[in-house]
Amino acid sequence: MDPRLLRFYNDELAYLREDARAFGEEHEAVAGRLGLKTPTDPDPYVERLLEGVAYLGARVQLKIADQYPEFTQHLLHAVQPHYLAPTPSMCVVGFEP
């Protein structure tokens, strides 16, 4: 397992919990039904749901991070194809008699 997955997972879970807290403050009636009203004693089913979504989001972020070099290479090839063309080695030489 990739060690970056845990970091992505924790970041995603922290983001989801913060977003759920903000949603709960904004929409109190819905937050009560979802179990988001009490941050000290959250609903275990909602917590498992947030953890599952965080895991899936972390896997997507990991795949995007792994594919980023290929993505940029294809994008650069589409925008400026001559930039990726191999360049022969060159140097400037001066001769003095």
PDB file of N, CA and C in Angstrom:
ATOM      1  N   MET A   1       0.843  -1.179   0.000  1.00  0.00           N
ATOM      2  CA  MET A   1       0.000   0.000   0.000  1.00  0.00           C
ATOM      3  C   MET A   1       0.887   1.241   0.000  1.00  0.00           C
ATOM      4  N   ASP A   2       0.473   2.216  -0.742  1.00  0.00           N
ATOM      5  CA  ASP A   2       1.222   3.463  -0.860  1.00  0.00           C
ATOM      6  C   ASP A   2       1.100   4.271   0.439  1.00  0.00           C
ATOM      7  N   PRO A   3       2.217   4.731   1.005  1.00  0.00           N
ATOM      8  CA  PRO A   3       2.132   5.503   2.257  1.00  0.00           C
ATOM      9  C   PRO A   3       1.441   6.854   2.091  1.00  0.00           C
ATOM     10  N   ARG A   4       1.356   7.355   0.859  1.00  0.00           N
ATOM     11  CA  ARG A   4       0.669   8.637   0.641  1.00  0.00           C
ATOM     12  C   ARG A   4      -0.836   8.508   0.824  1.00  0.00           C
ATOM     13  N   LEU A   5      -1.352   7.271   0.715  1.00  0.00           N
ATOM     14  CA  LEU A   5      -2.798   7.063   0.833  1.00  0.00           C
ATOM     15  C   LEU A   5      -3.303   7.498   2.205  1.00  0.00           C
ATOM     16  N   LEU A   6      -2.553   7.204   3.258  1.00  0.00           N
ATOM     17  CA  LEU A   6      -2.974   7.591   4.607  1.00  0.00           C
ATOM     18  C   LEU A   6      -3.031   9.109   4.750  1.00  0.00           C
ATOM     19  N   ARG A   7      -2.050   9.797   4.194  1.00  0.00           N
ATOM     20  CA  ARG A   7      -2.057  11.266   4.264  1.00  0.00           C
ATOM     21  C   ARG A   7      -3.242  11.840   3.497  1.00  0.00           C
ATOM     22  N   PHE A   8      -3.483  11.315   2.285  1.00  0.00           N
ATOM     23  CA  PHE A   8      -4.632  11.767   1.502  1.00  0.00           C
ATOM     24  C   PHE A   8      -5.940  11.474   2.240  1.00  0.00           C
ATOM     25  N   TYR A   9      -6.014  10.291   2.871  1.00  0.00           N
ATOM     26  CA  TYR A   9      -7.224   9.901   3.603  1.00  0.00           C
ATOM     27  C   TYR A   9      -7.478  10.854   4.770  1.00  0.00           C
ATOM     28  N   ASN A  10      -6.447  11.131   5.559  1.00  0.00           N
ATOM     29  CA  ASN A  10      -6.621  12.026   6.712  1.00  0.00           C
ATOM     30  C   ASN A  10      -6.988  13.441   6.275  1.00  0.00           C
ATOM     31  N   ASP A  11      -6.384  13.911   5.203  1.00  0.00           N
ATOM     32  CA  ASP A  11      -6.731  15.243   4.691  1.00  0.00           C
ATOM     33  C   ASP A  11      -8.181  15.289   4.221  1.00  0.00           C
ATOM     34  N   GLU A  12      -8.588  14.256   3.506  1.00  0.00           N
ATOM     35  CA  GLU A  12      -9.961  14.203   2.988  1.00  0.00           C
ATOM     36  C   GLU A  12     -10.970  14.093   4.131  1.00  0.00           C
ATOM     37  N   LEU A  13     -10.650  13.277   5.132  1.00  0.00           N
ATOM     38  CA  LEU A  13     -11.556  13.109   6.272  1.00  0.00           C
ATOM     39  C   LEU A  13     -11.681  14.409   7.067  1.00  0.00           C
ATOM     40  N   ALA A  14     -10.574  15.101   7.265  1.00  0.00           N
ATOM     41  CA  ALA A  14     -10.625  16.388   7.971  1.00  0.00           C
ATOM     42  C   ALA A  14     -11.462  17.395   7.190  1.00  0.00           C
ATOM     43  N   TYR A  15     -11.303  17.410   5.877  1.00  0.00           N
ATOM     44  CA  TYR A  15     -12.094  18.318   5.041  1.00  0.00           C
ATOM     45  C   TYR A  15     -13.584  17.984   5.138  1.00  0.00           C
ATOM     46  N   LEU A  16     -13.928  16.700   5.065  1.00  0.00           N
ATOM     47  CA  LEU A  16     -15.339  16.308   5.124  1.00  0.00           C
ATOM     48  C   LEU A  16     -15.958  16.638   6.477  1.00  0.00           C
ATOM     49  N   ARG A  17     -15.220  16.411   7.552  1.00  0.00           N
ATOM     50  CA  ARG A  17     -15.758  16.722   8.885  1.00  0.00           C
ATOM     51  C   ARG A  17     -15.956  18.223   9.062  1.00  0.00           C
ATOM     52  N   GLU A  18     -15.006  19.005   8.576  1.00  0.00           N
ATOM     53  CA  GLU A  18     -15.139  20.464   8.665  1.00  0.00           C
ATOM     54  C   GLU A  18     -16.313  20.947   7.824  1.00  0.00           C
ATOM     55  N   ASP A  19     -16.458  20.384   6.643  1.00  0.00           N
ATOM     56  CA  ASP A  19     -17.566  20.756   5.769  1.00  0.00           C
ATOM     57  C   ASP A  19     -18.905  20.319   6.370  1.00  0.00           C
ATOM     58  N   ALA A  20     -18.937  19.146   6.996  1.00  0.00           N
ATOM     59  CA  ALA A  20     -20.167  18.676   7.647  1.00  0.00           C
ATOM     60  C   ALA A  20     -20.527  19.577   8.827  1.00  0.00           C
ATOM     61  N   ARG A  21     -19.510  20.040   9.571  1.00  0.00           N
ATOM     62  CA  ARG A  21     -19.772  20.946  10.686  1.00  0.00           C
ATOM     63  C   ARG A  21     -20.348  22.266  10.180  1.00  0.00           C
ATOM     64  N   ALA A  22     -19.777  22.796   9.101  1.00  0.00           N
ATOM     65  CA  ALA A  22     -20.280  24.050   8.530  1.00  0.00           C
ATOM     66  C   ALA A  22     -21.695  23.863   7.992  1.00  0.00           C
ATOM     67  N   PHE A  23     -21.961  22.712   7.373  1.00  0.00           N
ATOM     68  CA  PHE A  23     -23.307  22.424   6.878  1.00  0.00           C
ATOM     69  C   PHE A  23     -24.290  22.325   8.041  1.00  0.00           C
ATOM     70  N   GLY A  24     -23.860  21.703   9.133  1.00  0.00           N
ATOM     71  CA  GLY A  24     -24.714  21.571  10.308  1.00  0.00           C
ATOM     72  C   GLY A  24     -25.063  22.903  10.940  1.00  0.00           C
ATOM     73  N   GLU A  25     -24.121  23.834  10.928  1.00  0.00           N
ATOM     74  CA  GLU A  25     -24.397  25.162  11.477  1.00  0.00           C
ATOM     75  C   GLU A  25     -25.351  25.944  10.585  1.00  0.00           C
ATOM     76  N   GLU A  26     -25.257  25.713   9.292  1.00  0.00           N
ATOM     77  CA  GLU A  26     -26.086  26.450   8.341  1.00  0.00           C
ATOM     78  C   GLU A  26     -27.508  25.896   8.250  1.00  0.00           C
ATOM     79  N   HIS A  27     -27.641  24.587   8.312  1.00  0.00           N
ATOM     80  CA  HIS A  27     -28.935  23.918   8.161  1.00  0.00           C
ATOM     81  C   HIS A  27     -29.179  23.026   9.379  1.00  0.00           C
ATOM     82  N   GLU A  28     -29.681  23.620  10.454  1.00  0.00           N
ATOM     83  CA  GLU A  28     -29.809  22.898  11.718  1.00  0.00           C
ATOM     84  C   GLU A  28     -30.846  21.785  11.671  1.00  0.00           C
ATOM     85  N   ALA A  29     -31.931  21.980  10.944  1.00  0.00           N
ATOM     86  CA  ALA A  29     -32.974  20.949  10.893  1.00  0.00           C
ATOM     87  C   ALA A  29     -32.464  19.687  10.205  1.00  0.00           C
ATOM     88  N   VAL A  30     -31.779  19.857   9.110  1.00  0.00           N
ATOM     89  CA  VAL A  30     -31.237  18.705   8.380  1.00  0.00           C
ATOM     90  C   VAL A  30     -30.088  18.080   9.163  1.00  0.00           C
ATOM     91  N   ALA A  31     -29.277  18.904   9.816  1.00  0.00           N
ATOM     92  CA  ALA A  31     -28.147  18.390  10.586  1.00  0.00           C
ATOM     93  C   ALA A  31     -28.621  17.518  11.738  1.00  0.00           C
ATOM     94  N   GLY A  32     -29.742  17.870  12.331  1.00  0.00           N
ATOM     95  CA  GLY A  32     -30.282  17.047  13.403  1.00  0.00           C
ATOM     96  C   GLY A  32     -30.689  15.670  12.916  1.00  0.00           C
ATOM     97  N   ARG A  33     -31.274  15.614  11.733  1.00  0.00           N
ATOM     98  CA  ARG A  33     -31.672  14.310  11.172  1.00  0.00           C
ATOM     99  C   ARG A  33     -30.463  13.482  10.749  1.00  0.00           C
ATOM    100  N   LEU A  34     -29.379  14.147  10.350  1.00  0.00           N
ATOM    101  CA  LEU A  34     -28.178  13.424   9.919  1.00  0.00           C
ATOM    102  C   LEU A  34     -27.241  13.082  11.079  1.00  0.00           C
ATOM    103  N   GLY A  35     -27.528  13.587  12.244  1.00  0.00           N
ATOM    104  CA  GLY A  35     -26.655  13.328  13.380  1.00  0.00           C
ATOM    105  C   GLY A  35     -25.406  14.188  13.372  1.00  0.00           C
ATOM    106  N   LEU A  36     -25.464  15.344  12.752  1.00  0.00           N
ATOM    107  CA  LEU A  36     -24.315  16.238  12.682  1.00  0.00           C
ATOM    108  C   LEU A  36     -24.396  17.369  13.704  1.00  0.00           C
ATOM    109  N   LYS A  37     -25.444  17.356  14.531  1.00  0.00           N
ATOM    110  CA  LYS A  37     -25.645  18.465  15.456  1.00  0.00           C
ATOM    111  C   LYS A  37     -24.656  18.431  16.620  1.00  0.00           C
ATOM    112  N   THR A  38     -24.310  17.248  17.070  1.00  0.00           N
ATOM    113  CA  THR A  38     -23.408  17.137  18.215  1.00  0.00           C
ATOM    114  C   THR A  38     -22.054  16.616  17.744  1.00  0.00           C
ATOM    115  N   PRO A  39     -21.050  17.489  17.616  1.00  0.00           N
ATOM    116  CA  PRO A  39     -19.742  17.026  17.141  1.00  0.00           C
ATOM    117  C   PRO A  39     -19.020  16.132  18.145  1.00  0.00           C
ATOM    118  N   THR A  40     -19.396  16.226  19.448  1.00  0.00           N
ATOM    119  CA  THR A  40     -18.739  15.376  20.445  1.00  0.00           C
ATOM    120  C   THR A  40     -19.258  13.947  20.405  1.00  0.00           C
ATOM    121  N   ASP A  41     -20.498  13.751  19.998  1.00  0.00           N
ATOM    122  CA  ASP A  41     -21.089  12.411  19.937  1.00  0.00           C
ATOM    123  C   ASP A  41     -21.764  12.219  18.580  1.00  0.00           C
ATOM    124  N   PRO A  42     -20.977  12.015  17.515  1.00  0.00           N
ATOM    125  CA  PRO A  42     -21.572  11.901  16.175  1.00  0.00           C
ATOM    126  C   PRO A  42     -22.260  10.556  15.969  1.00  0.00           C
ATOM    127  N   ASP A  43     -23.153  10.520  15.023  1.00  0.00           N
ATOM    128  CA  ASP A  43     -23.840   9.286  14.656  1.00  0.00           C
ATOM    129  C   ASP A  43     -22.823   8.329  14.032  1.00  0.00           C
ATOM    130  N   PRO A  44     -22.720   7.091  14.537  1.00  0.00           N
ATOM    131  CA  PRO A  44     -21.702   6.170  14.001  1.00  0.00           C
ATOM    132  C   PRO A  44     -21.926   5.810  12.535  1.00  0.00           C
ATOM    133  N   TYR A  45     -23.181   5.771  12.104  1.00  0.00           N
ATOM    134  CA  TYR A  45     -23.454   5.440  10.702  1.00  0.00           C
ATOM    135  C   TYR A  45     -23.003   6.565   9.765  1.00  0.00           C
ATOM    136  N   VAL A  46     -23.225   7.790  10.194  1.00  0.00           N
ATOM    137  CA  VAL A  46     -22.776   8.932   9.395  1.00  0.00           C
ATOM    138  C   VAL A  46     -21.246   8.986   9.387  1.00  0.00           C
ATOM    139  N   GLU A  47     -20.629   8.653  10.528  1.00  0.00           N
ATOM    140  CA  GLU A  47     -19.164   8.626  10.588  1.00  0.00           C
ATOM    141  C   GLU A  47     -18.591   7.594   9.625  1.00  0.00           C
ATOM    142  N   ARG A  48     -19.187   6.397   9.577  1.00  0.00           N
ATOM    143  CA  ARG A  48     -18.702   5.359   8.641  1.00  0.00           C
ATOM    144  C   ARG A  48     -18.887   5.821   7.200  1.00  0.00           C
ATOM    145  N   LEU A  49     -19.987   6.514   6.946  1.00  0.00           N
ATOM    146  CA  LEU A  49     -20.229   7.032   5.601  1.00  0.00           C
ATOM    147  C   LEU A  49     -19.167   8.065   5.218  1.00  0.00           C
ATOM    148  N   LEU A  50     -18.856   8.978   6.135  1.00  0.00           N
ATOM    149  CA  LEU A  50     -17.819   9.979   5.872  1.00  0.00           C
ATOM    150  C   LEU A  50     -16.451   9.324   5.683  1.00  0.00           C
ATOM    151  N   GLU A  51     -16.159   8.296   6.482  1.00  0.00           N
ATOM    152  CA  GLU A  51     -14.878   7.601   6.341  1.00  0.00           C
ATOM    153  C   GLU A  51     -14.786   6.874   5.004  1.00  0.00           C
ATOM    154  N   GLY A  52     -15.891   6.280   4.559  1.00  0.00           N
ATOM    155  CA  GLY A  52     -15.898   5.608   3.261  1.00  0.00           C
ATOM    156  C   GLY A  52     -15.698   6.584   2.115  1.00  0.00           C
ATOM    157  N   VAL A  53     -16.371   7.719   2.188  1.00  0.00           N
ATOM    158  CA  VAL A  53     -16.215   8.739   1.146  1.00  0.00           C
ATOM    159  C   VAL A  53     -14.786   9.296   1.172  1.00  0.00           C
ATOM    160  N   ALA A  54     -14.229   9.466   2.372  1.00  0.00           N
ATOM    161  CA  ALA A  54     -12.848   9.955   2.479  1.00  0.00           C
ATOM    162  C   ALA A  54     -11.871   8.955   1.873  1.00  0.00           C
ATOM    163  N   TYR A  55     -12.111   7.663   2.079  1.00  0.00           N
ATOM    164  CA  TYR A  55     -11.234   6.639   1.500  1.00  0.00           C
ATOM    165  C   TYR A  55     -11.303   6.666  -0.025  1.00  0.00           C
ATOM    166  N   LEU A  56     -12.519   6.752  -0.561  1.00  0.00           N
ATOM    167  CA  LEU A  56     -12.658   6.805  -2.018  1.00  0.00           C
ATOM    168  C   LEU A  56     -12.015   8.073  -2.585  1.00  0.00           C
ATOM    169  N   GLY A  57     -12.209   9.188  -1.908  1.00  0.00           N
ATOM    170  CA  GLY A  57     -11.587  10.437  -2.350  1.00  0.00           C
ATOM    171  C   GLY A  57     -10.064  10.369  -2.294  1.00  0.00           C
ATOM    172  N   ALA A  58      -9.533   9.702  -1.264  1.00  0.00           N
ATOM    173  CA  ALA A  58      -8.082   9.553  -1.146  1.00  0.00           C
ATOM    174  C   ALA A  58      -7.529   8.690  -2.273  1.00  0.00           C
ATOM    175  N   ARG A  59      -8.251   7.642  -2.642  1.00  0.00           N
ATOM    176  CA  ARG A  59      -7.796   6.796  -3.753  1.00  0.00           C
ATOM    177  C   ARG A  59      -7.794   7.570  -5.068  1.00  0.00           C
ATOM    178  N   VAL A  60      -8.819   8.397  -5.274  1.00  0.00           N
ATOM    179  CA  VAL A  60      -8.869   9.214  -6.493  1.00  0.00           C
ATOM    180  C   VAL A  60      -7.698  10.198  -6.509  1.00  0.00           C
ATOM    181  N   GLN A  61      -7.423  10.835  -5.379  1.00  0.00           N
ATOM    182  CA  GLN A  61      -6.303  11.774  -5.312  1.00  0.00           C
ATOM    183  C   GLN A  61      -4.975  11.073  -5.575  1.00  0.00           C
ATOM    184  N   LEU A  62      -4.831   9.847  -5.075  1.00  0.00           N
ATOM    185  CA  LEU A  62      -3.605   9.085  -5.301  1.00  0.00           C
ATOM    186  C   LEU A  62      -3.432   8.746  -6.776  1.00  0.00           C
ATOM    187  N   LYS A  63      -4.515   8.353  -7.426  1.00  0.00           N
ATOM    188  CA  LYS A  63      -4.437   8.044  -8.859  1.00  0.00           C
ATOM    189  C   LYS A  63      -4.115   9.296  -9.671  1.00  0.00           C
ATOM    190  N   ILE A  64      -4.700  10.421  -9.299  1.00  0.00           N
ATOM    191  CA  ILE A  64      -4.408  11.678  -9.997  1.00  0.00           C
ATOM    192  C   ILE A  64      -2.943  12.058  -9.793  1.00  0.00           C
ATOM    193  N   ALA A  65      -2.442  11.895  -8.574  1.00  0.00           N
ATOM    194  CA  ALA A  65      -1.039  12.225  -8.303  1.00  0.00           C
ATOM    195  C   ALA A  65      -0.097  11.324  -9.091  1.00  0.00           C
ATOM    196  N   ASP A  66      -0.463  10.054  -9.246  1.00  0.00           N
ATOM    197  CA  ASP A  66       0.381   9.127 -10.008  1.00  0.00           C
ATOM    198  C   ASP A  66       0.350   9.418 -11.498  1.00  0.00           C
ATOM    199  N   GLN A  67      -0.774   9.867 -12.010  1.00  0.00           N
ATOM    200  CA  GLN A  67      -0.928  10.101 -13.445  1.00  0.00           C
ATOM    201  C   GLN A  67      -0.580  11.525 -13.860  1.00  0.00           C
ATOM    202  N   TYR A  68      -0.220  12.390 -12.928  1.00  0.00           N
ATOM    203  CA  TYR A  68       0.023  13.794 -13.250  1.00  0.00           C
ATOM    204  C   TYR A  68       1.144  13.991 -14.273  1.00  0.00           C
ATOM    205  N   PRO A  69       2.293  13.303 -14.160  1.00  0.00           N
ATOM    206  CA  PRO A  69       3.340  13.512 -15.185  1.00  0.00           C
ATOM    207  C   PRO A  69       2.887  13.119 -16.588  1.00  0.00           C
ATOM    208  N   GLU A  70       2.156  12.027 -16.705  1.00  0.00           N
ATOM    209  CA  GLU A  70       1.661  11.621 -18.020  1.00  0.00           C
ATOM    210  C   GLU A  70       0.647  12.630 -18.552  1.00  0.00           C
ATOM    211  N   PHE A  71      -0.198  13.127 -17.670  1.00  0.00           N
ATOM    212  CA  PHE A  71      -1.195  14.117 -18.068  1.00  0.00           C
ATOM    213  C   PHE A  71      -0.526  15.381 -18.600  1.00  0.00           C
ATOM    214  N   THR A  72       0.469  15.876 -17.875  1.00  0.00           N
ATOM    215  CA  THR A  72       1.133  17.103 -18.320  1.00  0.00           C
ATOM    216  C   THR A  72       1.897  16.882 -19.619  1.00  0.00           C
ATOM    217  N   GLN A  73       2.473  15.690 -19.787  1.00  0.00           N
ATOM    218  CA  GLN A  73       3.193  15.412 -21.030  1.00  0.00           C
ATOM    219  C   GLN A  73       2.234  15.398 -22.219  1.00  0.00           C
ATOM    220  N   HIS A  74       1.074  14.762 -22.069  1.00  0.00           N
ATOM    221  CA  HIS A  74       0.094  14.733 -23.159  1.00  0.00           C
ATOM    222  C   HIS A  74      -0.459  16.131 -23.444  1.00  0.00           C
ATOM    223  N   LEU A  75      -0.695  16.893 -22.389  1.00  0.00           N
ATOM    224  CA  LEU A  75      -1.196  18.252 -22.566  1.00  0.00           C
ATOM    225  C   LEU A  75      -0.164  19.126 -23.279  1.00  0.00           C
ATOM    226  N   LEU A  76       1.089  19.006 -22.876  1.00  0.00           N
ATOM    227  CA  LEU A  76       2.143  19.781 -23.516  1.00  0.00           C
ATOM    228  C   LEU A  76       2.329  19.360 -24.967  1.00  0.00           C
ATOM    229  N   HIS A  77       2.178  18.076 -25.233  1.00  0.00           N
ATOM    230  CA  HIS A  77       2.296  17.584 -26.607  1.00  0.00           C
ATOM    231  C   HIS A  77       1.166  18.148 -27.483  1.00  0.00           C
ATOM    232  N   ALA A  78      -0.017  18.301 -26.908  1.00  0.00           N
ATOM    233  CA  ALA A  78      -1.142  18.847 -27.672  1.00  0.00           C
ATOM    234  C   ALA A  78      -0.978  20.345 -27.912  1.00  0.00           C
ATOM    235  N   VAL A  79      -0.440  21.057 -26.938  1.00  0.00           N
ATOM    236  CA  VAL A  79      -0.321  22.506 -27.044  1.00  0.00           C
ATOM    237  C   VAL A  79       0.926  22.918 -27.833  1.00  0.00           C
ATOM    238  N   GLN A  80       2.045  22.320 -27.529  1.00  0.00           N
ATOM    239  CA  GLN A  80       3.317  22.692 -28.158  1.00  0.00           C
ATOM    240  C   GLN A  80       4.112  21.419 -28.458  1.00  0.00           C
ATOM    241  N   PRO A  81       3.809  20.727 -29.554  1.00  0.00           N
ATOM    242  CA  PRO A  81       4.442  19.427 -29.813  1.00  0.00           C
ATOM    243  C   PRO A  81       5.951  19.500 -30.026  1.00  0.00           C
ATOM    244  N   HIS A  82       6.463  20.619 -30.511  1.00  0.00           N
ATOM    245  CA  HIS A  82       7.900  20.711 -30.769  1.00  0.00           C
ATOM    246  C   HIS A  82       8.712  20.868 -29.487  1.00  0.00           C
ATOM    247  N   TYR A  83       8.054  21.225 -28.403  1.00  0.00           N
ATOM    248  CA  TYR A  83       8.765  21.410 -27.138  1.00  0.00           C
ATOM    249  C   TYR A  83       9.310  20.087 -26.607  1.00  0.00           C
ATOM    250  N   LEU A  84       8.607  18.988 -26.862  1.00  0.00           N
ATOM    251  CA  LEU A  84       9.026  17.682 -26.367  1.00  0.00           C
ATOM    252  C   LEU A  84       9.918  16.927 -27.344  1.00  0.00           C
ATOM    253  N   ALA A  85      10.164  17.497 -28.510  1.00  0.00           N
ATOM    254  CA  ALA A  85      11.013  16.824 -29.502  1.00  0.00           C
ATOM    255  C   ALA A  85      12.451  16.765 -28.988  1.00  0.00           C
ATOM    256  N   PRO A  86      13.140  15.677 -29.268  1.00  0.00           N
ATOM    257  CA  PRO A  86      14.531  15.584 -28.810  1.00  0.00           C
ATOM    258  C   PRO A  86      15.403  16.627 -29.503  1.00  0.00           C
ATOM    259  N   THR A  87      16.299  17.194 -28.753  1.00  0.00           N
ATOM    260  CA  THR A  87      17.205  18.214 -29.274  1.00  0.00           C
ATOM    261  C   THR A  87      18.623  17.648 -29.270  1.00  0.00           C
ATOM    262  N   PRO A  88      19.309  17.672 -30.406  1.00  0.00           N
ATOM    263  CA  PRO A  88      20.686  17.171 -30.404  1.00  0.00           C
ATOM    264  C   PRO A  88      21.591  18.097 -29.600  1.00  0.00           C
ATOM    265  N   SER A  89      22.659  17.531 -29.109  1.00  0.00           N
ATOM    266  CA  SER A  89      23.578  18.348 -28.321  1.00  0.00           C
ATOM    267  C   SER A  89      24.263  19.373 -29.223  1.00  0.00           C
ATOM    268  N   MET A  90      24.436  20.561 -28.695  1.00  0.00           N
ATOM    269  CA  MET A  90      25.027  21.653 -29.465  1.00  0.00           C
ATOM    270  C   MET A  90      26.011  22.405 -28.583  1.00  0.00           C
ATOM    271  N   CYS A  91      26.975  23.014 -29.238  1.00  0.00           N
ATOM    272  CA  CYS A  91      27.875  23.904 -28.519  1.00  0.00           C
ATOM    273  C   CYS A  91      28.420  24.938 -29.500  1.00  0.00           C
ATOM    274  N   VAL A  92      28.914  26.017 -28.967  1.00  0.00           N
ATOM    275  CA  VAL A  92      29.484  27.076 -29.787  1.00  0.00           C
ATOM    276  C   VAL A  92      31.000  26.970 -29.662  1.00  0.00           C
ATOM    277  N   VAL A  93      31.645  26.890 -30.801  1.00  0.00           N
ATOM    278  CA  VAL A  93      33.102  26.752 -30.808  1.00  0.00           C
ATOM    279  C   VAL A  93      33.673  27.915 -31.603  1.00  0.00           C
ATOM    280  N   GLY A  94      34.697  28.506 -31.108  1.00  0.00           N
ATOM    281  CA  GLY A  94      35.369  29.587 -31.821  1.00  0.00           C
ATOM    282  C   GLY A  94      36.804  29.187 -32.143  1.00  0.00           C
ATOM    283  N   PHE A  95      37.221  29.418 -33.381  1.00  0.00           N
ATOM    284  CA  PHE A  95      38.590  29.110 -33.800  1.00  0.00           C
ATOM    285  C   PHE A  95      39.344  30.411 -34.009  1.00  0.00           C
ATOM    286  N   GLU A  96      40.531  30.458 -33.526  1.00  0.00           N
ATOM    287  CA  GLU A  96      41.411  31.602 -33.757  1.00  0.00           C
ATOM    288  C   GLU A  96      42.674  31.097 -34.450  1.00  0.00           C
ATOM    289  N   PRO A  97      43.075  31.739 -35.553  1.00  0.00           N
ATOM    290  CA  PRO A  97      44.274  31.266 -36.264  1.00  0.00           C
ATOM    291  C   PRO A  97      45.565  31.590 -35.528  1.00  0.00           C
TER     292      PRO A  97
END
